[in-house]
ModelCIF file with pLDDT and N, C-alpha, C, O atoms, coordinates in Angstrom:
data_MODEL
#
_entry.id   MODEL 
#
_entity.id                         1 
_entity.type                       polymer 
_entity.pdbx_number_of_molecules   1 
#
_entity_poly.entity_id                      1 
_entity_poly.type                           'polypeptide(L)' 
_entity_poly.nstd_linkage                   no 
_entity_poly.nstd_monomer                   no 
_entity_poly.pdbx_seq_one_letter_code       NDGYAVAYGDDPWTARLDARVRDLFGGGALAFPVLNGTGANVVSLTAL 
_entity_poly.pdbx_seq_one_letter_code_can   NDGYAVAYGDDPWTARLDARVRDLFGGGALAFPVLNGTGANVVSLTAL 
_entity_poly.pdbx_strand_id                 A 
#
loop_
_entity_poly_seq.entity_id 
_entity_poly_seq.num 
_entity_poly_seq.mon_id 
_entity_poly_seq.hetero 
1 1  ASN n 
1 2  ASP n 
1 3  GLY n 
1 4  TYR n 
1 5  ALA n 
1 6  VAL n 
1 7  ALA n 
1 8  TYR n 
1 9  GLY n 
1 10 ASP n 
1 11 ASP n 
1 12 PRO n 
1 13 TRP n 
1 14 THR n 
1 15 ALA n 
1 16 ARG n 
1 17 LEU n 
1 18 ASP n 
1 19 ALA n 
1 20 ARG n 
1 21 VAL n 
1 22 ARG n 
1 23 ASP n 
1 24 LEU n 
1 25 PHE n 
1 26 GLY n 
1 27 GLY n 
1 28 GLY n 
1 29 ALA n 
1 30 LEU n 
1 31 ALA n 
1 32 PHE n 
1 33 PRO n 
1 34 VAL n 
1 35 LEU n 
1 36 ASN n 
1 37 GLY n 
1 38 THR n 
1 39 GLY n 
1 40 ALA n 
1 41 ASN n 
1 42 VAL n 
1 43 VAL n 
1 44 SER n 
1 45 LEU n 
1 46 THR n 
1 47 ALA n 
1 48 LEU n 
#
_struct_asym.id          A 
_struct_asym.entity_id   1 
#
loop_
_ma_qa_metric.id 
_ma_qa_metric.mode 
_ma_qa_metric.name 
_ma_qa_metric.software_group_id 
_ma_qa_metric.type 
1 global pLDDT . pLDDT 
2 local  pLDDT . pLDDT 
#
_ma_qa_metric_global.metric_id      1 
_ma_qa_metric_global.metric_value   97.65 
_ma_qa_metric_global.model_id       1 
_ma_qa_metric_global.ordinal_id     1 
#
loop_
_ma_qa_metric_local.label_asym_id 
_ma_qa_metric_local.label_comp_id 
_ma_qa_metric_local.label_seq_id 
_ma_qa_metric_local.metric_id 
_ma_qa_metric_local.metric_value 
_ma_qa_metric_local.model_id 
_ma_qa_metric_local.ordinal_id 
A ASN 1  2 98.00 1 1  
A ASP 2  2 94.00 1 2  
A GLY 3  2 97.00 1 3  
A TYR 4  2 98.00 1 4  
A ALA 5  2 98.00 1 5  
A VAL 6  2 98.00 1 6  
A ALA 7  2 98.00 1 7  
A TYR 8  2 98.00 1 8  
A GLY 9  2 97.00 1 9  
A ASP 10 2 97.00 1 10 
A ASP 11 2 98.00 1 11 
A PRO 12 2 98.00 1 12 
A TRP 13 2 98.00 1 13 
A THR 14 2 98.00 1 14 
A ALA 15 2 98.00 1 15 
A ARG 16 2 98.00 1 16 
A LEU 17 2 98.00 1 17 
A ASP 18 2 97.00 1 18 
A ALA 19 2 97.00 1 19 
A ARG 20 2 98.00 1 20 
A VAL 21 2 98.00 1 21 
A ARG 22 2 98.00 1 22 
A ASP 23 2 97.00 1 23 
A LEU 24 2 98.00 1 24 
A PHE 25 2 98.00 1 25 
A GLY 26 2 97.00 1 26 
A GLY 27 2 94.00 1 27 
A GLY 28 2 96.00 1 28 
A ALA 29 2 98.00 1 29 
A LEU 30 2 98.00 1 30 
A ALA 31 2 98.00 1 31 
A PHE 32 2 98.00 1 32 
A PRO 33 2 98.00 1 33 
A VAL 34 2 98.00 1 34 
A LEU 35 2 98.00 1 35 
A ASN 36 2 98.00 1 36 
A GLY 37 2 98.00 1 37 
A THR 38 2 98.00 1 38 
A GLY 39 2 98.00 1 39 
A ALA 40 2 98.00 1 40 
A ASN 41 2 98.00 1 41 
A VAL 42 2 98.00 1 42 
A VAL 43 2 98.00 1 43 
A SER 44 2 98.00 1 44 
A LEU 45 2 98.00 1 45 
A THR 46 2 98.00 1 46 
A ALA 47 2 98.00 1 47 
A LEU 48 2 98.00 1 48 
#
loop_
_atom_site.group_PDB 
_atom_site.id 
_atom_site.type_symbol 
_atom_site.label_atom_id 
_atom_site.label_alt_id 
_atom_site.label_comp_id 
_atom_site.label_asym_id 
_atom_site.label_entity_id 
_atom_site.label_seq_id 
_atom_site.pdbx_PDB_ins_code 
_atom_site.Cartn_x 
_atom_site.Cartn_y 
_atom_site.Cartn_z 
_atom_site.occupancy 
_atom_site.B_iso_or_equiv 
_atom_site.pdbx_formal_charge 
_atom_site.auth_seq_id 
_atom_site.auth_comp_id 
_atom_site.auth_asym_id 
_atom_site.auth_atom_id 
_atom_site.pdbx_PDB_model_num 
ATOM 1   N N  . ASN A 1 1  ? 87.908  92.888  104.810 1.00 98.00 ? 1  ASN A N  1 
ATOM 2   C CA . ASN A 1 1  ? 86.836  92.846  105.835 1.00 98.00 ? 1  ASN A CA 1 
ATOM 3   C C  . ASN A 1 1  ? 86.699  91.402  106.332 1.00 98.00 ? 1  ASN A C  1 
ATOM 4   O O  . ASN A 1 1  ? 85.619  90.814  106.271 1.00 98.00 ? 1  ASN A O  1 
ATOM 5   N N  . ASP A 1 2  ? 87.769  90.862  106.805 1.00 94.00 ? 2  ASP A N  1 
ATOM 6   C CA . ASP A 1 2  ? 87.842  89.437  107.171 1.00 94.00 ? 2  ASP A CA 1 
ATOM 7   C C  . ASP A 1 2  ? 88.222  89.329  108.616 1.00 94.00 ? 2  ASP A C  1 
ATOM 8   O O  . ASP A 1 2  ? 89.404  89.253  108.952 1.00 94.00 ? 2  ASP A O  1 
ATOM 9   N N  . GLY A 1 3  ? 87.245  89.321  109.466 1.00 97.00 ? 3  GLY A N  1 
ATOM 10  C CA . GLY A 1 3  ? 87.493  89.101  110.918 1.00 97.00 ? 3  GLY A CA 1 
ATOM 11  C C  . GLY A 1 3  ? 88.152  90.316  111.531 1.00 97.00 ? 3  GLY A C  1 
ATOM 12  O O  . GLY A 1 3  ? 87.997  91.438  111.049 1.00 97.00 ? 3  GLY A O  1 
ATOM 13  N N  . TYR A 1 4  ? 88.884  90.079  112.595 1.00 98.00 ? 4  TYR A N  1 
ATOM 14  C CA . TYR A 1 4  ? 89.489  91.128  113.392 1.00 98.00 ? 4  TYR A CA 1 
ATOM 15  C C  . TYR A 1 4  ? 90.937  91.379  112.917 1.00 98.00 ? 4  TYR A C  1 
ATOM 16  O O  . TYR A 1 4  ? 91.618  90.464  112.454 1.00 98.00 ? 4  TYR A O  1 
ATOM 17  N N  . ALA A 1 5  ? 91.384  92.637  113.044 1.00 98.00 ? 5  ALA A N  1 
ATOM 18  C CA . ALA A 1 5  ? 92.764  93.007  112.750 1.00 98.00 ? 5  ALA A CA 1 
ATOM 19  C C  . ALA A 1 5  ? 93.150  94.125  113.695 1.00 98.00 ? 5  ALA A C  1 
ATOM 20  O O  . ALA A 1 5  ? 92.311  94.950  114.057 1.00 98.00 ? 5  ALA A O  1 
ATOM 21  N N  . VAL A 1 6  ? 94.387  94.161  114.093 1.00 98.00 ? 6  VAL A N  1 
ATOM 22  C CA . VAL A 1 6  ? 94.893  95.171  114.991 1.00 98.00 ? 6  VAL A CA 1 
ATOM 23  C C  . VAL A 1 6  ? 94.655  96.553  114.328 1.00 98.00 ? 6  VAL A C  1 
ATOM 24  O O  . VAL A 1 6  ? 94.838  96.717  113.121 1.00 98.00 ? 6  VAL A O  1 
ATOM 25  N N  . ALA A 1 7  ? 94.241  97.538  115.159 1.00 98.00 ? 7  ALA A N  1 
ATOM 26  C CA . ALA A 1 7  ? 93.864  98.863  114.656 1.00 98.00 ? 7  ALA A CA 1 
ATOM 27  C C  . ALA A 1 7  ? 95.129  99.754  114.461 1.00 98.00 ? 7  ALA A C  1 
ATOM 28  O O  . ALA A 1 7  ? 96.247  99.426  114.860 1.00 98.00 ? 7  ALA A O  1 
ATOM 29  N N  . TYR A 1 8  ? 94.840  100.905 113.811 1.00 98.00 ? 8  TYR A N  1 
ATOM 30  C CA . TYR A 1 8  ? 95.856  101.963 113.664 1.00 98.00 ? 8  TYR A CA 1 
ATOM 31  C C  . TYR A 1 8  ? 97.064  101.545 112.860 1.00 98.00 ? 8  TYR A C  1 
ATOM 32  O O  . TYR A 1 8  ? 98.156  102.069 113.082 1.00 98.00 ? 8  TYR A O  1 
ATOM 33  N N  . GLY A 1 9  ? 96.908  100.632 111.948 1.00 97.00 ? 9  GLY A N  1 
ATOM 34  C CA . GLY A 1 9  ? 97.982  100.339 111.018 1.00 97.00 ? 9  GLY A CA 1 
ATOM 35  C C  . GLY A 1 9  ? 98.878  99.178  111.334 1.00 97.00 ? 9  GLY A C  1 
ATOM 36  O O  . GLY A 1 9  ? 99.774  98.849  110.557 1.00 97.00 ? 9  GLY A O  1 
ATOM 37  N N  . ASP A 1 10 ? 98.649  98.551  112.466 1.00 97.00 ? 10 ASP A N  1 
ATOM 38  C CA . ASP A 1 10 ? 99.468  97.339  112.831 1.00 97.00 ? 10 ASP A CA 1 
ATOM 39  C C  . ASP A 1 10 ? 98.738  96.114  112.371 1.00 97.00 ? 10 ASP A C  1 
ATOM 40  O O  . ASP A 1 10 ? 98.367  95.257  113.173 1.00 97.00 ? 10 ASP A O  1 
ATOM 41  N N  . ASP A 1 11 ? 98.528  96.029  111.065 1.00 98.00 ? 11 ASP A N  1 
ATOM 42  C CA . ASP A 1 11 ? 97.706  94.955  110.470 1.00 98.00 ? 11 ASP A CA 1 
ATOM 43  C C  . ASP A 1 11 ? 98.440  94.384  109.232 1.00 98.00 ? 11 ASP A C  1 
ATOM 44  O O  . ASP A 1 11 ? 99.336  95.030  108.690 1.00 98.00 ? 11 ASP A O  1 
ATOM 45  N N  . PRO A 1 12 ? 98.064  93.207  108.807 1.00 98.00 ? 12 PRO A N  1 
ATOM 46  C CA . PRO A 1 12 ? 98.774  92.603  107.646 1.00 98.00 ? 12 PRO A CA 1 
ATOM 47  C C  . PRO A 1 12 ? 98.689  93.417  106.345 1.00 98.00 ? 12 PRO A C  1 
ATOM 48  O O  . PRO A 1 12 ? 99.646  93.421  105.571 1.00 98.00 ? 12 PRO A O  1 
ATOM 49  N N  . TRP A 1 13 ? 97.584  94.095  106.092 1.00 98.00 ? 13 TRP A N  1 
ATOM 50  C CA . TRP A 1 13 ? 97.475  94.811  104.852 1.00 98.00 ? 13 TRP A CA 1 
ATOM 51  C C  . TRP A 1 13 ? 98.426  96.016  104.806 1.00 98.00 ? 13 TRP A C  1 
ATOM 52  O O  . TRP A 1 13 ? 99.038  96.308  103.779 1.00 98.00 ? 13 TRP A O  1 
ATOM 53  N N  . THR A 1 14 ? 98.530  96.705  105.952 1.00 98.00 ? 14 THR A N  1 
ATOM 54  C CA . THR A 1 14 ? 99.486  97.836  105.977 1.00 98.00 ? 14 THR A CA 1 
ATOM 55  C C  . THR A 1 14 ? 100.887 97.372  105.937 1.00 98.00 ? 14 THR A C  1 
ATOM 56  O O  . THR A 1 14 ? 101.740 98.053  105.368 1.00 98.00 ? 14 THR A O  1 
ATOM 57  N N  . ALA A 1 15 ? 101.184 96.207  106.531 1.00 98.00 ? 15 ALA A N  1 
ATOM 58  C CA . ALA A 1 15 ? 102.534 95.656  106.403 1.00 98.00 ? 15 ALA A CA 1 
ATOM 59  C C  . ALA A 1 15 ? 102.882 95.309  104.956 1.00 98.00 ? 15 ALA A C  1 
ATOM 60  O O  . ALA A 1 15 ? 104.003 95.532  104.499 1.00 98.00 ? 15 ALA A O  1 
ATOM 61  N N  . ARG A 1 16 ? 101.878 94.749  104.236 1.00 98.00 ? 16 ARG A N  1 
ATOM 62  C CA . ARG A 1 16 ? 102.109 94.457  102.820 1.00 98.00 ? 16 ARG A CA 1 
ATOM 63  C C  . ARG A 1 16 ? 102.261 95.733  101.976 1.00 98.00 ? 16 ARG A C  1 
ATOM 64  O O  . ARG A 1 16 ? 103.014 95.775  101.002 1.00 98.00 ? 16 ARG A O  1 
ATOM 65  N N  . LEU A 1 17 ? 101.514 96.776  102.389 1.00 98.00 ? 17 LEU A N  1 
ATOM 66  C CA . LEU A 1 17 ? 101.680 98.085  101.684 1.00 98.00 ? 17 LEU A CA 1 
ATOM 67  C C  . LEU A 1 17 ? 103.070 98.621  101.916 1.00 98.00 ? 17 LEU A C  1 
ATOM 68  O O  . LEU A 1 17 ? 103.695 99.131  100.987 1.00 98.00 ? 17 LEU A O  1 
ATOM 69  N N  . ASP A 1 18 ? 103.567 98.519  103.125 1.00 97.00 ? 18 ASP A N  1 
ATOM 70  C CA . ASP A 1 18 ? 104.987 98.954  103.385 1.00 97.00 ? 18 ASP A CA 1 
ATOM 71  C C  . ASP A 1 18 ? 105.960 98.239  102.449 1.00 97.00 ? 18 ASP A C  1 
ATOM 72  O O  . ASP A 1 18 ? 106.837 98.855  101.844 1.00 97.00 ? 18 ASP A O  1 
ATOM 73  N N  . ALA A 1 19 ? 105.780 96.925  102.349 1.00 97.00 ? 19 ALA A N  1 
ATOM 74  C CA . ALA A 1 19 ? 106.683 96.157  101.501 1.00 97.00 ? 19 ALA A CA 1 
ATOM 75  C C  . ALA A 1 19 ? 106.565 96.570  100.021 1.00 97.00 ? 19 ALA A C  1 
ATOM 76  O O  . ALA A 1 19 ? 107.565 96.702  99.315  1.00 97.00 ? 19 ALA A O  1 
ATOM 77  N N  . ARG A 1 20 ? 105.328 96.768  99.582  1.00 98.00 ? 20 ARG A N  1 
ATOM 78  C CA . ARG A 1 20 ? 105.114 97.115  98.162  1.00 98.00 ? 20 ARG A CA 1 
ATOM 79  C C  . ARG A 1 20 ? 105.710 98.502  97.889  1.00 98.00 ? 20 ARG A C  1 
ATOM 80  O O  . ARG A 1 20 ? 106.301 98.715  96.831  1.00 98.00 ? 20 ARG A O  1 
ATOM 81  N N  . VAL A 1 21 ? 105.566 99.433  98.810  1.00 98.00 ? 21 VAL A N  1 
ATOM 82  C CA . VAL A 1 21 ? 106.132 100.775 98.630  1.00 98.00 ? 21 VAL A CA 1 
ATOM 83  C C  . VAL A 1 21 ? 107.636 100.693 98.582  1.00 98.00 ? 21 VAL A C  1 
ATOM 84  O O  . VAL A 1 21 ? 108.257 101.412 97.800  1.00 98.00 ? 21 VAL A O  1 
ATOM 85  N N  . ARG A 1 22 ? 108.247 99.849  99.384  1.00 98.00 ? 22 ARG A N  1 
ATOM 86  C CA . ARG A 1 22 ? 109.699 99.684  99.302  1.00 98.00 ? 22 ARG A CA 1 
ATOM 87  C C  . ARG A 1 22 ? 110.117 99.094  97.951  1.00 98.00 ? 22 ARG A C  1 
ATOM 88  O O  . ARG A 1 22 ? 111.160 99.458  97.407  1.00 98.00 ? 22 ARG A O  1 
ATOM 89  N N  . ASP A 1 23 ? 109.306 98.188  97.415  1.00 97.00 ? 23 ASP A N  1 
ATOM 90  C CA . ASP A 1 23 ? 109.609 97.640  96.073  1.00 97.00 ? 23 ASP A CA 1 
ATOM 91  C C  . ASP A 1 23 ? 109.632 98.762  95.035  1.00 97.00 ? 23 ASP A C  1 
ATOM 92  O O  . ASP A 1 23 ? 110.529 98.833  94.195  1.00 97.00 ? 23 ASP A O  1 
ATOM 93  N N  . LEU A 1 24 ? 108.607 99.653  95.112  1.00 98.00 ? 24 LEU A N  1 
ATOM 94  C CA . LEU A 1 24 ? 108.384 100.621 94.041  1.00 98.00 ? 24 LEU A CA 1 
ATOM 95  C C  . LEU A 1 24 ? 109.196 101.893 94.229  1.00 98.00 ? 24 LEU A C  1 
ATOM 96  O O  . LEU A 1 24 ? 109.564 102.527 93.240  1.00 98.00 ? 24 LEU A O  1 
ATOM 97  N N  . PHE A 1 25 ? 109.483 102.283 95.448  1.00 98.00 ? 25 PHE A N  1 
ATOM 98  C CA . PHE A 1 25 ? 110.078 103.597 95.677  1.00 98.00 ? 25 PHE A CA 1 
ATOM 99  C C  . PHE A 1 25 ? 111.449 103.512 96.329  1.00 98.00 ? 25 PHE A C  1 
ATOM 100 O O  . PHE A 1 25 ? 112.069 104.553 96.550  1.00 98.00 ? 25 PHE A O  1 
ATOM 101 N N  . GLY A 1 26 ? 111.951 102.327 96.648  1.00 97.00 ? 26 GLY A N  1 
ATOM 102 C CA . GLY A 1 26 ? 113.287 102.232 97.241  1.00 97.00 ? 26 GLY A CA 1 
ATOM 103 C C  . GLY A 1 26 ? 113.225 101.582 98.620  1.00 97.00 ? 26 GLY A C  1 
ATOM 104 O O  . GLY A 1 26 ? 112.217 101.667 99.322  1.00 97.00 ? 26 GLY A O  1 
ATOM 105 N N  . GLY A 1 27 ? 114.342 100.922 98.995  1.00 94.00 ? 27 GLY A N  1 
ATOM 106 C CA . GLY A 1 27 ? 114.369 100.099 100.178 1.00 94.00 ? 27 GLY A CA 1 
ATOM 107 C C  . GLY A 1 27 ? 114.099 100.850 101.482 1.00 94.00 ? 27 GLY A C  1 
ATOM 108 O O  . GLY A 1 27 ? 113.661 100.227 102.449 1.00 94.00 ? 27 GLY A O  1 
ATOM 109 N N  . GLY A 1 28 ? 114.342 102.163 101.549 1.00 96.00 ? 28 GLY A N  1 
ATOM 110 C CA . GLY A 1 28 ? 114.121 102.877 102.816 1.00 96.00 ? 28 GLY A CA 1 
ATOM 111 C C  . GLY A 1 28 ? 112.813 103.604 102.859 1.00 96.00 ? 28 GLY A C  1 
ATOM 112 O O  . GLY A 1 28 ? 112.542 104.307 103.832 1.00 96.00 ? 28 GLY A O  1 
ATOM 113 N N  . ALA A 1 29 ? 111.965 103.466 101.820 1.00 98.00 ? 29 ALA A N  1 
ATOM 114 C CA . ALA A 1 29 ? 110.709 104.240 101.781 1.00 98.00 ? 29 ALA A CA 1 
ATOM 115 C C  . ALA A 1 29 ? 109.724 103.736 102.829 1.00 98.00 ? 29 ALA A C  1 
ATOM 116 O O  . ALA A 1 29 ? 109.661 102.542 103.125 1.00 98.00 ? 29 ALA A O  1 
ATOM 117 N N  . LEU A 1 30 ? 108.957 104.670 103.380 1.00 98.00 ? 30 LEU A N  1 
ATOM 118 C CA . LEU A 1 30 ? 107.959 104.370 104.371 1.00 98.00 ? 30 LEU A CA 1 
ATOM 119 C C  . LEU A 1 30 ? 106.606 104.898 103.901 1.00 98.00 ? 30 LEU A C  1 
ATOM 120 O O  . LEU A 1 30 ? 106.521 105.987 103.334 1.00 98.00 ? 30 LEU A O  1 
ATOM 121 N N  . ALA A 1 31 ? 105.546 104.119 104.141 1.00 98.00 ? 31 ALA A N  1 
ATOM 122 C CA . ALA A 1 31 ? 104.183 104.556 103.768 1.00 98.00 ? 31 ALA A CA 1 
ATOM 123 C C  . ALA A 1 31 ? 103.334 104.778 105.022 1.00 98.00 ? 31 ALA A C  1 
ATOM 124 O O  . ALA A 1 31 ? 103.340 103.971 105.952 1.00 98.00 ? 31 ALA A O  1 
ATOM 125 N N  . PHE A 1 32 ? 102.628 105.859 105.017 1.00 98.00 ? 32 PHE A N  1 
ATOM 126 C CA . PHE A 1 32 ? 101.732 106.220 106.149 1.00 98.00 ? 32 PHE A CA 1 
ATOM 127 C C  . PHE A 1 32 ? 100.347 106.529 105.552 1.00 98.00 ? 32 PHE A C  1 
ATOM 128 O O  . PHE A 1 32 ? 100.116 107.650 105.100 1.00 98.00 ? 32 PHE A O  1 
ATOM 129 N N  . PRO A 1 33 ? 99.427  105.559 105.542 1.00 98.00 ? 33 PRO A N  1 
ATOM 130 C CA . PRO A 1 33 ? 98.088  105.817 105.029 1.00 98.00 ? 33 PRO A CA 1 
ATOM 131 C C  . PRO A 1 33 ? 97.375  106.943 105.801 1.00 98.00 ? 33 PRO A C  1 
ATOM 132 O O  . PRO A 1 33 ? 97.460  107.020 107.026 1.00 98.00 ? 33 PRO A O  1 
ATOM 133 N N  . VAL A 1 34 ? 96.694  107.785 105.080 1.00 98.00 ? 34 VAL A N  1 
ATOM 134 C CA . VAL A 1 34 ? 95.909  108.881 105.691 1.00 98.00 ? 34 VAL A CA 1 
ATOM 135 C C  . VAL A 1 34 ? 94.492  108.853 105.024 1.00 98.00 ? 34 VAL A C  1 
ATOM 136 O O  . VAL A 1 34 ? 94.192  108.005 104.183 1.00 98.00 ? 34 VAL A O  1 
ATOM 137 N N  . LEU A 1 35 ? 93.658  109.815 105.444 1.00 98.00 ? 35 LEU A N  1 
ATOM 138 C CA . LEU A 1 35 ? 92.296  109.776 105.051 1.00 98.00 ? 35 LEU A CA 1 
ATOM 139 C C  . LEU A 1 35 ? 91.958  110.554 103.814 1.00 98.00 ? 35 LEU A C  1 
ATOM 140 O O  . LEU A 1 35 ? 90.984  110.225 103.137 1.00 98.00 ? 35 LEU A O  1 
ATOM 141 N N  . ASN A 1 36 ? 92.746  111.610 103.476 1.00 98.00 ? 36 ASN A N  1 
ATOM 142 C CA . ASN A 1 36 ? 92.456  112.400 102.297 1.00 98.00 ? 36 ASN A CA 1 
ATOM 143 C C  . ASN A 1 36 ? 93.672  113.200 101.865 1.00 98.00 ? 36 ASN A C  1 
ATOM 144 O O  . ASN A 1 36 ? 94.682  113.260 102.566 1.00 98.00 ? 36 ASN A O  1 
ATOM 145 N N  . GLY A 1 37 ? 93.550  113.813 100.695 1.00 98.00 ? 37 GLY A N  1 
ATOM 146 C CA . GLY A 1 37 ? 94.675  114.510 100.062 1.00 98.00 ? 37 GLY A CA 1 
ATOM 147 C C  . GLY A 1 37 ? 95.134  115.739 100.866 1.00 98.00 ? 37 GLY A C  1 
ATOM 148 O O  . GLY A 1 37 ? 96.331  115.960 101.054 1.00 98.00 ? 37 GLY A O  1 
ATOM 149 N N  . THR A 1 38 ? 94.158  116.534 101.336 1.00 98.00 ? 38 THR A N  1 
ATOM 150 C CA . THR A 1 38 ? 94.543  117.664 102.127 1.00 98.00 ? 38 THR A CA 1 
ATOM 151 C C  . THR A 1 38 ? 95.315  117.280 103.375 1.00 98.00 ? 38 THR A C  1 
ATOM 152 O O  . THR A 1 38 ? 96.292  117.928 103.751 1.00 98.00 ? 38 THR A O  1 
ATOM 153 N N  . GLY A 1 39 ? 94.850  116.209 104.009 1.00 98.00 ? 39 GLY A N  1 
ATOM 154 C CA . GLY A 1 39 ? 95.541  115.702 105.210 1.00 98.00 ? 39 GLY A CA 1 
ATOM 155 C C  . GLY A 1 39 ? 96.963  115.227 104.846 1.00 98.00 ? 39 GLY A C  1 
ATOM 156 O O  . GLY A 1 39 ? 97.914  115.478 105.586 1.00 98.00 ? 39 GLY A O  1 
ATOM 157 N N  . ALA A 1 40 ? 97.097  114.533 103.688 1.00 98.00 ? 40 ALA A N  1 
ATOM 158 C CA . ALA A 1 40 ? 98.430  114.117 103.304 1.00 98.00 ? 40 ALA A CA 1 
ATOM 159 C C  . ALA A 1 40 ? 99.369  115.286 103.064 1.00 98.00 ? 40 ALA A C  1 
ATOM 160 O O  . ALA A 1 40 ? 100.547 115.216 103.416 1.00 98.00 ? 40 ALA A O  1 
ATOM 161 N N  . ASN A 1 41 ? 98.862  116.365 102.464 1.00 98.00 ? 41 ASN A N  1 
ATOM 162 C CA . ASN A 1 41 ? 99.694  117.528 102.231 1.00 98.00 ? 41 ASN A CA 1 
ATOM 163 C C  . ASN A 1 41 ? 100.063 118.201 103.508 1.00 98.00 ? 41 ASN A C  1 
ATOM 164 O O  . ASN A 1 41 ? 101.225 118.560 103.700 1.00 98.00 ? 41 ASN A O  1 
ATOM 165 N N  . VAL A 1 42 ? 99.093  118.394 104.417 1.00 98.00 ? 42 VAL A N  1 
ATOM 166 C CA . VAL A 1 42 ? 99.403  119.056 105.679 1.00 98.00 ? 42 VAL A CA 1 
ATOM 167 C C  . VAL A 1 42 ? 100.409 118.281 106.484 1.00 98.00 ? 42 VAL A C  1 
ATOM 168 O O  . VAL A 1 42 ? 101.366 118.861 106.997 1.00 98.00 ? 42 VAL A O  1 
ATOM 169 N N  . VAL A 1 43 ? 100.217 116.959 106.613 1.00 98.00 ? 43 VAL A N  1 
ATOM 170 C CA . VAL A 1 43 ? 101.145 116.127 107.361 1.00 98.00 ? 43 VAL A CA 1 
ATOM 171 C C  . VAL A 1 43 ? 102.555 116.202 106.729 1.00 98.00 ? 43 VAL A C  1 
ATOM 172 O O  . VAL A 1 43 ? 103.555 116.374 107.425 1.00 98.00 ? 43 VAL A O  1 
ATOM 173 N N  . SER A 1 44 ? 102.598 116.069 105.412 1.00 98.00 ? 44 SER A N  1 
ATOM 174 C CA . SER A 1 44 ? 103.896 116.108 104.730 1.00 98.00 ? 44 SER A CA 1 
ATOM 175 C C  . SER A 1 44 ? 104.626 117.393 104.907 1.00 98.00 ? 44 SER A C  1 
ATOM 176 O O  . SER A 1 44 ? 105.805 117.384 105.262 1.00 98.00 ? 44 SER A O  1 
ATOM 177 N N  . LEU A 1 45 ? 103.977 118.500 104.675 1.00 98.00 ? 45 LEU A N  1 
ATOM 178 C CA . LEU A 1 45 ? 104.643 119.806 104.745 1.00 98.00 ? 45 LEU A CA 1 
ATOM 179 C C  . LEU A 1 45 ? 105.027 120.153 106.181 1.00 98.00 ? 45 LEU A C  1 
ATOM 180 O O  . LEU A 1 45 ? 106.086 120.741 106.402 1.00 98.00 ? 45 LEU A O  1 
ATOM 181 N N  . THR A 1 46 ? 104.204 119.810 107.150 1.00 98.00 ? 46 THR A N  1 
ATOM 182 C CA . THR A 1 46 ? 104.508 120.086 108.553 1.00 98.00 ? 46 THR A CA 1 
ATOM 183 C C  . THR A 1 46 ? 105.707 119.250 109.001 1.00 98.00 ? 46 THR A C  1 
ATOM 184 O O  . THR A 1 46 ? 106.553 119.716 109.765 1.00 98.00 ? 46 THR A O  1 
ATOM 185 N N  . ALA A 1 47 ? 105.768 118.011 108.515 1.00 98.00 ? 47 ALA A N  1 
ATOM 186 C CA . ALA A 1 47 ? 106.881 117.146 108.902 1.00 98.00 ? 47 ALA A CA 1 
ATOM 187 C C  . ALA A 1 47 ? 108.228 117.631 108.315 1.00 98.00 ? 47 ALA A C  1 
ATOM 188 O O  . ALA A 1 47 ? 109.277 117.333 108.885 1.00 98.00 ? 47 ALA A O  1 
ATOM 189 N N  . LEU A 1 48 ? 108.217 118.348 107.223 1.00 98.00 ? 48 LEU A N  1 
ATOM 190 C CA . LEU A 1 48 ? 109.437 118.785 106.569 1.00 98.00 ? 48 LEU A CA 1 
ATOM 191 C C  . LEU A 1 48 ? 109.855 120.199 106.977 1.00 98.00 ? 48 LEU A C  1 
ATOM 192 O O  . LEU A 1 48 ? 110.872 120.704 106.501 1.00 98.00 ? 48 LEU A O  1 
#
């Protein structure tokens, strides 16, 4: 909560999350933050 940051995920924290996910899950892994578990499941299953 430090000043202004670009909205909708184009921010430094989300960029660092992408990098950390690649460290933990593999070089091509991508992270998409969502609001809750049901949403994560619906988005995942619909995408597949």
